N, C-alpha and C. Protein backbone atom coordinates (compact mmCIF):
# COMPACT_ATOMS: atom_id res chain seq x y z
N MET A 1 8.62 32.97 25.38
CA MET A 1 7.88 32.30 24.31
C MET A 1 6.39 32.51 24.56
N ILE A 2 5.73 33.15 23.62
CA ILE A 2 4.29 33.44 23.75
C ILE A 2 3.54 32.51 22.81
N LEU A 3 2.59 31.75 23.35
CA LEU A 3 1.73 30.88 22.55
C LEU A 3 0.35 31.49 22.47
N ASP A 4 -0.08 31.81 21.26
CA ASP A 4 -1.41 32.36 21.02
C ASP A 4 -2.19 31.32 20.24
N PHE A 5 -3.01 30.54 20.97
CA PHE A 5 -3.65 29.39 20.34
C PHE A 5 -4.93 29.75 19.59
N PHE A 6 -5.38 31.00 19.73
CA PHE A 6 -6.53 31.48 18.97
C PHE A 6 -6.12 32.80 18.34
N ALA A 7 -5.23 32.71 17.35
CA ALA A 7 -4.49 33.88 16.88
C ALA A 7 -5.34 34.90 16.14
N GLY A 8 -6.46 34.47 15.56
CA GLY A 8 -7.31 35.42 14.84
C GLY A 8 -6.54 36.18 13.78
N SER A 9 -6.51 37.49 13.86
CA SER A 9 -5.87 38.30 12.83
C SER A 9 -4.37 38.47 13.06
N GLY A 10 -3.82 37.92 14.13
CA GLY A 10 -2.38 38.01 14.37
C GLY A 10 -1.96 39.17 15.24
N THR A 11 -2.88 39.72 16.03
CA THR A 11 -2.57 40.88 16.86
C THR A 11 -1.47 40.58 17.88
N THR A 12 -1.49 39.38 18.49
CA THR A 12 -0.48 39.06 19.49
C THR A 12 0.92 39.04 18.89
N ALA A 13 1.07 38.38 17.74
CA ALA A 13 2.39 38.34 17.08
C ALA A 13 2.87 39.75 16.75
N HIS A 14 1.96 40.58 16.27
CA HIS A 14 2.29 41.96 15.93
C HIS A 14 2.75 42.71 17.18
N ALA A 15 2.06 42.51 18.30
CA ALA A 15 2.43 43.18 19.54
C ALA A 15 3.79 42.72 20.06
N VAL A 16 4.10 41.42 19.88
CA VAL A 16 5.40 40.90 20.31
C VAL A 16 6.53 41.57 19.53
N MET A 17 6.35 41.73 18.23
CA MET A 17 7.36 42.43 17.42
C MET A 17 7.55 43.86 17.92
N ARG A 18 6.43 44.52 18.17
CA ARG A 18 6.48 45.91 18.62
C ARG A 18 7.21 46.03 19.95
N LEU A 19 6.93 45.11 20.88
CA LEU A 19 7.56 45.14 22.19
C LEU A 19 9.06 44.81 22.10
N ASN A 20 9.41 43.86 21.23
CA ASN A 20 10.82 43.53 21.05
C ASN A 20 11.61 44.75 20.58
N ARG A 21 11.03 45.49 19.66
CA ARG A 21 11.72 46.70 19.17
C ARG A 21 11.84 47.74 20.29
N GLN A 22 10.81 47.83 21.10
CA GLN A 22 10.78 48.86 22.13
C GLN A 22 11.84 48.66 23.19
N ASP A 23 12.07 47.40 23.60
CA ASP A 23 13.02 47.18 24.70
C ASP A 23 14.19 46.26 24.31
N GLY A 24 14.34 45.99 23.00
CA GLY A 24 15.45 45.15 22.57
C GLY A 24 15.30 43.69 22.95
N GLY A 25 14.07 43.25 23.15
CA GLY A 25 13.82 41.88 23.58
C GLY A 25 13.99 40.86 22.48
N ARG A 26 13.98 39.59 22.87
CA ARG A 26 14.11 38.47 21.92
C ARG A 26 12.95 37.49 22.12
N ARG A 27 11.77 38.03 22.36
CA ARG A 27 10.60 37.18 22.55
C ARG A 27 10.26 36.46 21.25
N GLN A 28 9.70 35.26 21.40
CA GLN A 28 9.20 34.50 20.25
C GLN A 28 7.71 34.31 20.41
N CYS A 29 7.01 34.17 19.31
CA CYS A 29 5.56 33.98 19.35
C CYS A 29 5.16 32.85 18.41
N ILE A 30 4.36 31.93 18.91
CA ILE A 30 3.76 30.88 18.09
C ILE A 30 2.27 31.21 17.98
N SER A 31 1.82 31.46 16.78
CA SER A 31 0.41 31.79 16.53
C SER A 31 -0.27 30.62 15.85
N VAL A 32 -1.39 30.19 16.40
CA VAL A 32 -2.13 29.06 15.84
C VAL A 32 -3.54 29.52 15.51
N THR A 33 -3.98 29.23 14.32
CA THR A 33 -5.35 29.58 13.94
C THR A 33 -5.87 28.60 12.89
N ASN A 34 -7.18 28.48 12.82
CA ASN A 34 -7.75 27.74 11.70
C ASN A 34 -7.82 28.68 10.50
N ASN A 35 -8.45 28.22 9.44
CA ASN A 35 -8.58 29.07 8.25
C ASN A 35 -10.06 29.27 7.94
N GLU A 36 -10.80 29.60 9.00
CA GLU A 36 -12.26 29.71 8.88
C GLU A 36 -12.66 30.85 7.96
N VAL A 37 -13.66 30.57 7.15
CA VAL A 37 -14.25 31.57 6.27
C VAL A 37 -15.52 32.09 6.93
N ALA A 38 -15.71 33.40 6.92
CA ALA A 38 -16.88 34.00 7.56
C ALA A 38 -18.18 33.44 6.98
N ALA A 39 -19.22 33.42 7.81
CA ALA A 39 -20.49 32.79 7.42
C ALA A 39 -21.07 33.41 6.15
N ASP A 40 -21.09 34.74 6.05
CA ASP A 40 -21.65 35.38 4.85
C ASP A 40 -20.87 35.01 3.61
N GLU A 41 -19.56 34.95 3.75
CA GLU A 41 -18.74 34.58 2.60
C GLU A 41 -18.92 33.11 2.23
N GLN A 42 -19.13 32.27 3.24
CA GLN A 42 -19.37 30.85 2.96
C GLN A 42 -20.61 30.68 2.08
N ALA A 43 -21.67 31.42 2.40
CA ALA A 43 -22.91 31.29 1.63
C ALA A 43 -22.67 31.64 0.17
N ALA A 44 -21.92 32.71 -0.06
CA ALA A 44 -21.65 33.13 -1.44
C ALA A 44 -20.77 32.11 -2.15
N LEU A 45 -19.80 31.57 -1.45
CA LEU A 45 -18.90 30.59 -2.06
C LEU A 45 -19.63 29.30 -2.40
N ARG A 46 -20.57 28.89 -1.52
CA ARG A 46 -21.33 27.67 -1.80
C ARG A 46 -22.22 27.85 -3.03
N LYS A 47 -22.75 29.05 -3.20
CA LYS A 47 -23.56 29.32 -4.39
C LYS A 47 -22.72 29.20 -5.65
N ALA A 48 -21.41 29.41 -5.50
CA ALA A 48 -20.51 29.28 -6.65
C ALA A 48 -19.97 27.86 -6.77
N ASP A 49 -20.62 26.92 -6.05
CA ASP A 49 -20.27 25.50 -6.09
C ASP A 49 -18.85 25.23 -5.55
N LEU A 50 -18.43 26.04 -4.56
CA LEU A 50 -17.14 25.83 -3.91
C LEU A 50 -17.36 25.19 -2.55
N ARG A 51 -16.36 24.45 -2.09
CA ARG A 51 -16.44 23.76 -0.81
C ARG A 51 -15.14 23.92 -0.04
N PRO A 52 -15.14 23.74 1.30
CA PRO A 52 -13.90 23.79 2.06
C PRO A 52 -12.86 22.84 1.47
N GLY A 53 -11.65 23.33 1.34
CA GLY A 53 -10.58 22.56 0.72
C GLY A 53 -10.27 23.03 -0.68
N ASP A 54 -11.27 23.62 -1.35
CA ASP A 54 -11.01 24.18 -2.68
C ASP A 54 -10.10 25.40 -2.55
N PRO A 55 -9.10 25.55 -3.40
CA PRO A 55 -8.21 26.72 -3.31
C PRO A 55 -8.95 28.05 -3.32
N ASP A 56 -10.02 28.14 -4.15
CA ASP A 56 -10.75 29.40 -4.22
C ASP A 56 -11.64 29.62 -2.99
N TRP A 57 -11.82 28.60 -2.18
CA TRP A 57 -12.49 28.74 -0.88
C TRP A 57 -11.47 29.12 0.18
N GLU A 58 -10.38 28.37 0.26
CA GLU A 58 -9.39 28.55 1.33
C GLU A 58 -8.72 29.91 1.28
N LYS A 59 -8.59 30.50 0.11
CA LYS A 59 -7.89 31.78 0.02
C LYS A 59 -8.62 32.90 0.76
N TRP A 60 -9.92 32.69 1.09
CA TRP A 60 -10.69 33.69 1.82
C TRP A 60 -10.73 33.40 3.31
N GLY A 61 -10.06 32.34 3.75
CA GLY A 61 -10.03 32.01 5.18
C GLY A 61 -9.20 33.02 5.96
N ILE A 62 -9.47 33.13 7.26
CA ILE A 62 -8.83 34.16 8.07
C ILE A 62 -7.31 34.03 8.09
N CYS A 63 -6.79 32.80 8.07
CA CYS A 63 -5.34 32.63 8.13
C CYS A 63 -4.69 33.11 6.83
N ASP A 64 -5.17 32.61 5.70
CA ASP A 64 -4.55 32.94 4.41
C ASP A 64 -4.84 34.37 3.96
N TYR A 65 -6.02 34.88 4.33
CA TYR A 65 -6.43 36.19 3.83
C TYR A 65 -6.03 37.34 4.76
N ILE A 66 -5.94 37.04 6.07
CA ILE A 66 -5.68 38.13 7.03
C ILE A 66 -4.41 37.89 7.86
N THR A 67 -4.32 36.75 8.55
CA THR A 67 -3.25 36.56 9.52
C THR A 67 -1.86 36.56 8.87
N LYS A 68 -1.66 35.71 7.88
CA LYS A 68 -0.35 35.65 7.23
C LYS A 68 0.03 36.98 6.57
N PRO A 69 -0.86 37.59 5.77
CA PRO A 69 -0.48 38.88 5.16
C PRO A 69 -0.18 39.96 6.20
N ARG A 70 -0.92 39.97 7.32
CA ARG A 70 -0.66 40.99 8.33
C ARG A 70 0.72 40.82 8.95
N ILE A 71 1.07 39.60 9.33
CA ILE A 71 2.37 39.36 9.95
C ILE A 71 3.50 39.70 8.98
N ALA A 72 3.33 39.27 7.73
CA ALA A 72 4.35 39.57 6.72
C ALA A 72 4.49 41.07 6.50
N ALA A 73 3.37 41.77 6.45
CA ALA A 73 3.39 43.22 6.23
C ALA A 73 4.03 43.94 7.41
N ALA A 74 3.76 43.47 8.63
CA ALA A 74 4.35 44.10 9.81
C ALA A 74 5.87 44.00 9.77
N ILE A 75 6.39 42.84 9.34
CA ILE A 75 7.85 42.64 9.30
C ILE A 75 8.49 43.45 8.17
N THR A 76 7.90 43.40 6.98
CA THR A 76 8.52 44.05 5.83
C THR A 76 8.22 45.53 5.74
N GLY A 77 7.11 45.97 6.37
CA GLY A 77 6.69 47.37 6.24
C GLY A 77 6.02 47.66 4.92
N LYS A 78 5.64 46.61 4.19
CA LYS A 78 5.01 46.78 2.88
C LYS A 78 3.70 46.01 2.81
N THR A 79 2.79 46.52 2.02
CA THR A 79 1.51 45.84 1.79
C THR A 79 1.74 44.63 0.90
N PRO A 80 0.77 43.72 0.80
CA PRO A 80 0.91 42.58 -0.11
C PRO A 80 1.16 43.00 -1.55
N GLU A 81 0.79 44.24 -1.89
CA GLU A 81 1.02 44.75 -3.26
C GLU A 81 2.39 45.39 -3.41
N GLY A 82 3.18 45.41 -2.31
CA GLY A 82 4.53 45.93 -2.38
C GLY A 82 4.67 47.41 -2.10
N LYS A 83 3.61 48.05 -1.64
CA LYS A 83 3.67 49.48 -1.34
C LYS A 83 4.02 49.69 0.14
N ASP A 84 4.72 50.79 0.43
CA ASP A 84 5.04 51.12 1.82
C ASP A 84 3.76 51.34 2.61
N ILE A 85 3.71 50.79 3.83
CA ILE A 85 2.55 51.00 4.69
C ILE A 85 2.57 52.43 5.22
N GLU A 86 1.45 53.09 5.15
CA GLU A 86 1.35 54.47 5.61
C GLU A 86 1.09 54.51 7.12
N GLY A 87 1.49 55.60 7.76
CA GLY A 87 1.22 55.79 9.18
C GLY A 87 2.41 55.48 10.05
N ASP A 88 2.28 55.79 11.34
CA ASP A 88 3.35 55.60 12.31
C ASP A 88 2.86 54.78 13.49
N TYR A 89 3.81 54.08 14.13
CA TYR A 89 3.54 53.49 15.45
C TYR A 89 3.70 54.61 16.48
N LYS A 90 2.77 54.68 17.43
CA LYS A 90 2.73 55.83 18.34
C LYS A 90 2.61 55.40 19.80
N PHE A 91 3.53 54.60 20.28
CA PHE A 91 3.49 54.26 21.70
C PHE A 91 4.67 54.94 22.39
N THR A 92 5.49 54.20 23.10
CA THR A 92 6.61 54.81 23.80
C THR A 92 7.56 55.53 22.84
N ASP A 93 7.87 54.86 21.75
CA ASP A 93 8.69 55.48 20.71
C ASP A 93 7.89 55.49 19.42
N GLU A 94 8.09 56.49 18.59
CA GLU A 94 7.35 56.63 17.34
C GLU A 94 8.28 56.38 16.16
N PHE A 95 7.76 55.65 15.17
CA PHE A 95 8.52 55.42 13.95
C PHE A 95 7.55 54.98 12.86
N PRO A 96 7.93 55.15 11.60
CA PRO A 96 7.02 54.80 10.50
C PRO A 96 6.76 53.29 10.43
N MET A 97 5.54 52.91 10.14
CA MET A 97 5.22 51.50 9.96
C MET A 97 6.00 50.90 8.80
N ALA A 98 6.36 51.74 7.83
CA ALA A 98 7.09 51.27 6.66
C ALA A 98 8.49 50.77 7.01
N GLU A 99 9.00 51.10 8.21
CA GLU A 99 10.31 50.59 8.61
C GLU A 99 10.27 49.09 8.90
N GLY A 100 9.09 48.58 9.25
CA GLY A 100 8.98 47.16 9.58
C GLY A 100 9.71 46.81 10.86
N PHE A 101 10.02 45.51 11.02
CA PHE A 101 10.70 45.04 12.23
C PHE A 101 11.82 44.08 11.84
N GLU A 102 12.85 44.02 12.69
CA GLU A 102 13.94 43.07 12.48
C GLU A 102 13.52 41.72 13.06
N GLU A 103 12.57 41.10 12.42
CA GLU A 103 12.03 39.81 12.87
C GLU A 103 11.99 38.86 11.68
N ASN A 104 11.74 37.60 11.95
CA ASN A 104 11.49 36.64 10.87
C ASN A 104 10.31 35.77 11.26
N ALA A 105 9.68 35.19 10.27
CA ALA A 105 8.49 34.36 10.53
C ALA A 105 8.47 33.21 9.54
N GLU A 106 7.92 32.10 9.98
CA GLU A 106 7.68 30.95 9.11
C GLU A 106 6.23 30.55 9.26
N PHE A 107 5.62 30.15 8.14
CA PHE A 107 4.22 29.73 8.15
C PHE A 107 4.14 28.24 7.83
N PHE A 108 3.44 27.51 8.68
CA PHE A 108 3.28 26.07 8.49
C PHE A 108 1.79 25.72 8.47
N THR A 109 1.45 24.70 7.68
CA THR A 109 0.09 24.18 7.64
C THR A 109 0.08 22.80 8.27
N LEU A 110 -0.71 22.63 9.33
CA LEU A 110 -0.79 21.33 10.00
C LEU A 110 -1.71 20.40 9.21
N THR A 111 -1.26 19.18 9.01
CA THR A 111 -2.04 18.19 8.28
C THR A 111 -2.03 16.86 9.04
N TYR A 112 -2.94 15.97 8.67
CA TYR A 112 -2.92 14.62 9.20
C TYR A 112 -2.06 13.77 8.28
N GLU A 113 -1.14 13.01 8.85
CA GLU A 113 -0.28 12.14 8.07
C GLU A 113 -0.60 10.68 8.37
N SER A 114 -0.67 9.87 7.33
CA SER A 114 -0.96 8.45 7.48
C SER A 114 0.10 7.78 8.36
N HIS A 115 -0.36 6.90 9.27
CA HIS A 115 0.59 6.19 10.13
C HIS A 115 1.53 5.31 9.31
N VAL A 116 1.07 4.87 8.14
CA VAL A 116 1.92 4.03 7.28
C VAL A 116 3.10 4.85 6.76
N ALA A 117 2.81 6.06 6.28
CA ALA A 117 3.87 6.93 5.76
C ALA A 117 4.82 7.34 6.87
N VAL A 118 4.27 7.63 8.05
CA VAL A 118 5.11 8.05 9.18
C VAL A 118 6.00 6.89 9.62
N GLY A 119 5.39 5.70 9.78
CA GLY A 119 6.16 4.55 10.24
C GLY A 119 7.25 4.15 9.28
N ALA A 120 7.05 4.37 7.98
CA ALA A 120 8.05 4.03 6.96
C ALA A 120 9.03 5.18 6.72
N ASN A 121 8.89 6.27 7.49
CA ASN A 121 9.78 7.42 7.40
C ASN A 121 9.63 8.16 6.07
N PHE A 122 8.42 8.12 5.48
CA PHE A 122 8.18 8.81 4.23
C PHE A 122 7.64 10.22 4.45
N ALA A 123 7.32 10.56 5.68
CA ALA A 123 6.68 11.85 5.95
C ALA A 123 7.64 12.85 6.61
N PHE A 124 8.94 12.53 6.59
CA PHE A 124 9.87 13.36 7.35
C PHE A 124 9.85 14.82 6.91
N LYS A 125 9.84 15.08 5.63
CA LYS A 125 9.92 16.46 5.15
C LYS A 125 8.76 17.30 5.68
N ARG A 126 7.60 16.67 5.87
CA ARG A 126 6.43 17.40 6.34
C ARG A 126 6.45 17.64 7.85
N ILE A 127 7.14 16.77 8.58
CA ILE A 127 7.19 16.97 10.03
C ILE A 127 8.48 17.66 10.47
N ALA A 128 9.40 17.88 9.55
CA ALA A 128 10.69 18.50 9.88
C ALA A 128 10.54 19.83 10.61
N PRO A 129 9.64 20.73 10.19
CA PRO A 129 9.50 22.00 10.92
C PRO A 129 9.11 21.82 12.39
N LEU A 130 8.33 20.77 12.69
CA LEU A 130 7.90 20.54 14.07
C LEU A 130 9.09 20.15 14.96
N LEU A 131 10.03 19.39 14.39
CA LEU A 131 11.22 19.02 15.17
C LEU A 131 12.04 20.26 15.49
N TRP A 132 12.16 21.13 14.51
CA TRP A 132 12.89 22.39 14.70
C TRP A 132 12.22 23.25 15.77
N MET A 133 10.88 23.33 15.72
CA MET A 133 10.15 24.10 16.73
C MET A 133 10.30 23.48 18.10
N ARG A 134 10.23 22.17 18.19
CA ARG A 134 10.36 21.46 19.47
C ARG A 134 11.70 21.74 20.13
N ALA A 135 12.72 22.02 19.31
CA ALA A 135 14.06 22.27 19.83
C ALA A 135 14.34 23.74 20.06
N GLY A 136 13.33 24.60 19.90
CA GLY A 136 13.50 26.00 20.23
C GLY A 136 13.35 26.99 19.10
N SER A 137 13.10 26.50 17.87
CA SER A 137 12.87 27.40 16.72
C SER A 137 14.05 28.34 16.48
N GLU A 138 15.25 27.82 16.60
CA GLU A 138 16.44 28.64 16.40
C GLU A 138 17.41 27.94 15.46
N GLY A 139 18.16 28.74 14.71
CA GLY A 139 19.25 28.20 13.90
C GLY A 139 18.78 27.39 12.71
N ARG A 140 19.70 26.56 12.21
CA ARG A 140 19.45 25.79 10.99
C ARG A 140 18.42 24.70 11.25
N ARG A 141 17.69 24.35 10.19
CA ARG A 141 16.69 23.29 10.28
C ARG A 141 17.10 22.12 9.39
N ILE A 142 16.88 20.91 9.86
CA ILE A 142 17.15 19.71 9.06
C ILE A 142 15.88 19.38 8.29
N ASP A 143 15.86 19.66 6.99
CA ASP A 143 14.65 19.51 6.20
C ASP A 143 14.55 18.18 5.46
N ASP A 144 15.67 17.48 5.32
CA ASP A 144 15.68 16.22 4.57
C ASP A 144 16.37 15.14 5.39
N LEU A 145 16.00 13.89 5.14
CA LEU A 145 16.67 12.79 5.81
C LEU A 145 18.15 12.79 5.43
N PRO A 146 19.04 12.74 6.39
CA PRO A 146 20.48 12.82 6.09
C PRO A 146 20.99 11.56 5.39
N GLU A 147 21.76 11.75 4.33
CA GLU A 147 22.27 10.61 3.57
C GLU A 147 23.24 9.78 4.40
N GLY A 148 23.95 10.43 5.31
CA GLY A 148 24.92 9.70 6.12
C GLY A 148 24.34 9.01 7.33
N GLY A 149 23.01 9.09 7.50
CA GLY A 149 22.37 8.40 8.62
C GLY A 149 22.15 9.26 9.84
N TRP A 150 22.76 10.44 9.89
CA TRP A 150 22.56 11.35 11.00
C TRP A 150 22.92 12.76 10.57
N ALA A 151 22.42 13.74 11.34
CA ALA A 151 22.75 15.13 11.08
C ALA A 151 22.63 15.90 12.38
N VAL A 152 23.40 16.98 12.48
CA VAL A 152 23.38 17.84 13.66
C VAL A 152 23.20 19.27 13.20
N ALA A 153 22.19 19.95 13.76
CA ALA A 153 21.95 21.36 13.46
C ALA A 153 22.41 22.19 14.66
N ASP A 154 21.90 23.41 14.79
CA ASP A 154 22.36 24.30 15.86
C ASP A 154 21.81 23.92 17.23
N THR A 155 20.55 23.44 17.28
CA THR A 155 19.94 23.16 18.58
C THR A 155 19.48 21.70 18.73
N TYR A 156 19.60 20.90 17.67
CA TYR A 156 19.15 19.52 17.78
C TYR A 156 19.88 18.63 16.78
N GLY A 157 19.78 17.34 17.02
CA GLY A 157 20.37 16.37 16.11
C GLY A 157 19.34 15.32 15.73
N LEU A 158 19.61 14.61 14.64
CA LEU A 158 18.70 13.57 14.14
C LEU A 158 19.50 12.33 13.79
N LEU A 159 19.14 11.21 14.39
CA LEU A 159 19.78 9.93 14.10
C LEU A 159 18.77 9.00 13.44
N VAL A 160 19.05 8.60 12.22
CA VAL A 160 18.16 7.72 11.47
C VAL A 160 18.73 6.31 11.40
N ASP A 161 20.04 6.19 11.21
CA ASP A 161 20.72 4.90 11.10
C ASP A 161 21.40 4.60 12.43
N LEU A 162 20.84 3.69 13.21
CA LEU A 162 21.40 3.41 14.53
C LEU A 162 22.77 2.75 14.48
N ASP A 163 23.16 2.22 13.33
CA ASP A 163 24.52 1.69 13.19
C ASP A 163 25.55 2.81 13.21
N ARG A 164 25.08 4.06 13.06
CA ARG A 164 25.98 5.23 13.10
C ARG A 164 25.83 5.99 14.42
N ALA A 165 25.30 5.32 15.43
CA ALA A 165 25.02 5.99 16.70
C ALA A 165 26.28 6.55 17.35
N GLY A 166 27.40 5.82 17.25
CA GLY A 166 28.64 6.29 17.86
C GLY A 166 29.10 7.62 17.28
N ALA A 167 29.12 7.69 15.94
CA ALA A 167 29.52 8.93 15.28
C ALA A 167 28.56 10.06 15.61
N PHE A 168 27.27 9.73 15.69
CA PHE A 168 26.27 10.75 16.01
C PHE A 168 26.49 11.32 17.40
N CYS A 169 26.67 10.46 18.39
CA CYS A 169 26.85 10.92 19.77
C CYS A 169 28.14 11.73 19.90
N ASP A 170 29.18 11.34 19.18
CA ASP A 170 30.43 12.11 19.20
C ASP A 170 30.20 13.50 18.62
N ALA A 171 29.44 13.58 17.53
CA ALA A 171 29.17 14.87 16.90
C ALA A 171 28.32 15.76 17.80
N VAL A 172 27.36 15.16 18.50
CA VAL A 172 26.52 15.93 19.43
C VAL A 172 27.38 16.51 20.54
N ALA A 173 28.30 15.69 21.08
CA ALA A 173 29.18 16.16 22.15
C ALA A 173 30.12 17.26 21.66
N ALA A 174 30.64 17.10 20.43
CA ALA A 174 31.56 18.09 19.89
C ALA A 174 30.87 19.41 19.58
N GLN A 175 29.62 19.32 19.14
CA GLN A 175 28.89 20.54 18.80
C GLN A 175 28.63 21.39 20.03
N GLY A 176 28.14 20.79 21.10
CA GLY A 176 27.84 21.53 22.31
C GLY A 176 26.61 22.41 22.14
N GLY A 177 25.86 22.57 23.20
CA GLY A 177 24.71 23.46 23.18
C GLY A 177 23.45 22.88 22.58
N LEU A 178 23.47 21.61 22.17
CA LEU A 178 22.26 21.01 21.61
C LEU A 178 21.26 20.71 22.73
N ARG A 179 19.99 20.83 22.39
CA ARG A 179 18.94 20.61 23.38
C ARG A 179 18.26 19.25 23.24
N VAL A 180 18.11 18.80 21.98
CA VAL A 180 17.32 17.60 21.73
C VAL A 180 18.05 16.71 20.73
N ALA A 181 17.96 15.39 20.96
CA ALA A 181 18.45 14.41 19.99
C ALA A 181 17.27 13.52 19.60
N TYR A 182 16.87 13.59 18.34
CA TYR A 182 15.77 12.77 17.84
C TYR A 182 16.36 11.45 17.31
N VAL A 183 15.79 10.34 17.77
CA VAL A 183 16.27 9.03 17.37
C VAL A 183 15.12 8.26 16.75
N VAL A 184 15.30 7.83 15.51
CA VAL A 184 14.25 7.10 14.80
C VAL A 184 14.49 5.60 14.97
N THR A 185 13.67 4.95 15.79
CA THR A 185 13.80 3.51 16.00
C THR A 185 12.54 2.97 16.64
N ASP A 186 12.24 1.72 16.37
CA ASP A 186 11.13 1.05 17.06
C ASP A 186 11.66 0.04 18.08
N ASP A 187 12.98 0.11 18.33
CA ASP A 187 13.63 -0.80 19.29
C ASP A 187 13.94 -0.02 20.55
N ASP A 188 13.21 -0.29 21.62
CA ASP A 188 13.38 0.49 22.85
C ASP A 188 14.76 0.30 23.46
N ARG A 189 15.32 -0.90 23.40
CA ARG A 189 16.63 -1.13 24.00
C ARG A 189 17.72 -0.35 23.28
N ARG A 190 17.65 -0.29 21.96
CA ARG A 190 18.66 0.46 21.22
C ARG A 190 18.49 1.97 21.47
N PHE A 191 17.24 2.40 21.61
CA PHE A 191 17.01 3.80 21.93
C PHE A 191 17.62 4.15 23.27
N GLN A 192 17.42 3.30 24.27
CA GLN A 192 17.96 3.56 25.59
C GLN A 192 19.48 3.56 25.56
N ALA A 193 20.08 2.74 24.72
CA ALA A 193 21.53 2.71 24.62
C ALA A 193 22.06 4.03 24.06
N VAL A 194 21.37 4.57 23.05
CA VAL A 194 21.77 5.87 22.49
C VAL A 194 21.57 6.96 23.52
N ALA A 195 20.45 6.91 24.24
CA ALA A 195 20.16 7.93 25.25
C ALA A 195 21.25 7.98 26.32
N ARG A 196 21.76 6.81 26.73
CA ARG A 196 22.81 6.78 27.75
C ARG A 196 24.13 7.35 27.23
N ALA A 197 24.35 7.27 25.92
CA ALA A 197 25.62 7.74 25.34
C ALA A 197 25.62 9.23 25.03
N LEU A 198 24.46 9.86 25.11
CA LEU A 198 24.38 11.29 24.80
C LEU A 198 24.93 12.12 25.97
N PRO A 199 25.45 13.30 25.68
CA PRO A 199 25.95 14.17 26.75
C PRO A 199 24.81 14.61 27.68
N ASP A 200 25.17 14.94 28.91
CA ASP A 200 24.19 15.47 29.85
C ASP A 200 23.59 16.76 29.30
N GLY A 201 22.31 16.94 29.52
CA GLY A 201 21.64 18.16 29.06
C GLY A 201 21.00 18.03 27.70
N VAL A 202 21.28 16.95 26.97
CA VAL A 202 20.65 16.71 25.66
C VAL A 202 19.48 15.75 25.88
N GLU A 203 18.29 16.19 25.53
CA GLU A 203 17.09 15.38 25.74
C GLU A 203 16.92 14.38 24.60
N PRO A 204 16.90 13.07 24.89
CA PRO A 204 16.64 12.10 23.84
C PRO A 204 15.13 11.96 23.58
N VAL A 205 14.75 11.98 22.33
CA VAL A 205 13.35 11.84 21.96
C VAL A 205 13.24 10.73 20.91
N ARG A 206 12.44 9.73 21.22
CA ARG A 206 12.24 8.62 20.27
C ARG A 206 11.19 9.05 19.25
N LEU A 207 11.63 9.25 18.05
CA LEU A 207 10.77 9.84 17.04
C LEU A 207 9.72 8.86 16.53
N TYR A 208 8.52 9.41 16.38
CA TYR A 208 7.34 8.72 15.83
C TYR A 208 6.65 7.81 16.83
N GLU A 209 7.30 7.44 17.93
CA GLU A 209 6.70 6.47 18.84
C GLU A 209 5.35 6.95 19.35
N SER A 210 5.27 8.20 19.83
CA SER A 210 4.01 8.71 20.37
C SER A 210 2.94 8.78 19.30
N TYR A 211 3.33 9.24 18.11
CA TYR A 211 2.35 9.37 17.02
C TYR A 211 1.77 8.00 16.66
N LEU A 212 2.63 7.01 16.50
CA LEU A 212 2.15 5.69 16.10
C LEU A 212 1.37 5.02 17.23
N SER A 213 1.78 5.25 18.48
CA SER A 213 1.03 4.69 19.60
C SER A 213 -0.36 5.29 19.69
N ASN A 214 -0.45 6.60 19.51
CA ASN A 214 -1.75 7.26 19.54
C ASN A 214 -2.65 6.74 18.43
N PHE A 215 -2.07 6.47 17.27
CA PHE A 215 -2.86 5.92 16.17
C PHE A 215 -3.41 4.55 16.54
N ARG A 216 -2.57 3.73 17.16
CA ARG A 216 -3.03 2.39 17.55
C ARG A 216 -4.12 2.47 18.58
N PHE A 217 -3.99 3.40 19.55
CA PHE A 217 -5.00 3.53 20.58
C PHE A 217 -6.32 3.99 19.99
N SER A 218 -6.26 4.96 19.07
CA SER A 218 -7.49 5.51 18.50
C SER A 218 -8.21 4.49 17.63
N MET A 219 -7.43 3.53 17.08
CA MET A 219 -8.03 2.50 16.24
C MET A 219 -8.40 1.26 17.05
N GLY A 220 -8.13 1.29 18.36
CA GLY A 220 -8.47 0.16 19.21
C GLY A 220 -7.56 -1.03 19.02
N ARG A 221 -6.30 -0.78 18.58
CA ARG A 221 -5.37 -1.88 18.33
C ARG A 221 -4.44 -2.08 19.51
């Protein structure tokens, strides 16, 4: 797992794809970048009465204008306009850039979420990708709150209704191979009870607790 916390134009992610093809590897890359607009472009945009956050401002930022299109083009072998990329890769093995790579990528935008929405479980859809990444970025993702009170994916499970904890723990054990069990509760004793019932090797994580605690600390509460 390669973490590139100053991803810039996406060169590290591109190199990981290239190396995976070269030796049949299964490396993963997490690229993090802001969406900074170059100083000269900022001046021109401000003259046009645009400000950071405006769609016509953000579209010129390095992430939206360079990093995302480059990574997508590397995988598909096509330009943003849909044309085959010209040229060849010329390292250990040579092949046309238009062949692309057998890789996949997801793009996420990090935002600040109100502690009220998080505490009331209204922000789940926006934080769902982070739970999937925390569990290894593999397999199916749980994108919506489960109607039955719990759900199990390929590498993690989610328990929302603690009255269904027994069924959830049984499903986790039957599935096998899960890494993380997310439990939504503000009751530490009930969380510990679920944690004890989980199979060995499954990490219990009390969802939202750290986020809400950090909010209280930052507000001096």
